[in-house]
Protein backbone atom coordinates (compact mmCIF):
# COMPACT_ATOMS: atom_id res chain seq x y z
CA UNK A 1 123.35 92.39 83.85
CA UNK A 2 123.66 91.38 87.89
CA UNK A 3 122.56 87.50 88.95
CA UNK A 4 118.71 88.52 90.07
CA UNK A 5 118.48 90.57 85.97
CA UNK A 6 119.41 87.33 84.40
CA UNK A 7 117.66 85.07 86.60
CA UNK A 8 114.24 87.22 85.58
CA UNK A 9 115.04 87.22 82.09
CA UNK A 10 115.67 84.19 81.77
CA UNK A 11 112.06 83.36 82.99
CA UNK A 12 110.63 85.12 80.20
CA UNK A 13 109.82 82.60 76.64
CA UNK A 14 112.79 83.28 74.30
CA UNK A 15 110.67 84.75 71.47
CA UNK A 16 109.16 87.63 74.12
CA UNK A 17 112.65 88.42 74.84
CA UNK A 18 113.97 88.67 71.62
CA UNK A 19 110.86 90.73 70.82
CA UNK A 20 111.19 93.16 74.18
CA UNK A 21 114.64 93.40 72.91
CA UNK A 22 113.94 94.32 69.45
CA UNK A 23 111.63 97.42 71.25
CA UNK A 24 113.32 98.45 73.53
CA UNK A 25 115.61 99.79 70.56
CA UNK A 26 113.22 101.96 70.13
CA UNK A 27 112.20 103.27 73.52
CA UNK A 28 113.81 106.04 75.70
CA UNK A 29 113.16 106.34 79.77
CA UNK A 30 113.94 108.26 82.93
CA UNK A 31 113.25 107.04 86.68
CA UNK A 32 112.93 109.22 89.52
CA UNK A 33 110.64 111.86 91.32
CA UNK A 34 108.99 115.05 91.21
CA UNK A 35 109.32 117.78 94.14
CA UNK A 36 105.41 117.04 95.53
CA UNK A 37 105.76 113.19 95.83
CA UNK A 38 107.24 110.60 97.26
CA UNK A 39 106.73 108.15 93.75
CA UNK A 40 108.33 106.71 91.81
CA UNK A 41 108.27 108.32 88.49
CA UNK A 42 108.82 106.19 85.20
CA UNK A 43 108.52 107.27 82.07
CA UNK A 44 108.91 106.12 78.66
CA UNK A 45 108.40 106.78 75.08
CA UNK A 46 109.32 106.20 71.63
CA UNK A 47 112.90 107.52 71.15
CA UNK A 48 111.98 109.31 68.16
CA UNK A 49 109.63 112.02 71.22
CA UNK A 50 112.96 112.48 72.94
CA UNK A 51 112.50 116.30 72.68
CA UNK A 52 109.24 115.62 75.26
CA UNK A 53 110.88 114.97 78.09
CA UNK A 54 112.61 117.59 78.03
CA UNK A 55 109.99 119.77 78.42
CA UNK A 56 108.37 118.40 81.27
CA UNK A 57 109.00 118.45 84.90
CA UNK A 58 112.61 117.42 86.34
CA UNK A 59 112.62 114.32 88.11
CA UNK A 60 115.28 113.68 90.55
CA UNK A 61 117.82 111.02 90.75
CA UNK A 62 116.93 108.11 93.62
CA UNK A 63 119.40 105.00 94.85
CA UNK A 64 118.67 101.70 94.35
CA UNK A 65 117.22 101.31 97.71
CA UNK A 66 115.03 104.07 97.87
CA UNK A 67 113.34 102.91 93.88
CA UNK A 68 113.43 99.13 95.57
CA UNK A 69 111.58 100.63 98.71
CA UNK A 70 108.88 102.48 96.29
CA UNK A 71 108.08 99.42 94.73
CA UNK A 72 108.03 97.39 96.94
CA UNK A 73 105.06 99.86 98.68
CA UNK A 74 103.82 99.96 95.09
CA UNK A 75 103.91 103.63 94.96
CA UNK A 76 104.74 103.65 91.39
CA UNK A 77 103.50 105.55 88.25
CA UNK A 78 104.28 104.77 84.74
CA UNK A 79 103.92 107.27 82.20
CA UNK A 80 103.74 107.21 78.32
CA UNK A 81 105.06 110.09 77.16
CA UNK A 82 104.25 111.57 73.14
């Protein structure tokens, strides 16, 4: 974990950190962009729905700088995968 991630994690109450950690064990996510948009797409779903991720259009990988740029510009879309 980077220092920046640690400082963000420390800002959360202990109980919330614990609960998010527990929830994280059940989630799967993919991050990237598609061919048509210059938007960061974050797909999140339960681990039990992992096969559904393969049915969705492929996301292109992004470098950390591009991810930070899109986030700073507010060009982010979160998709819940069922």
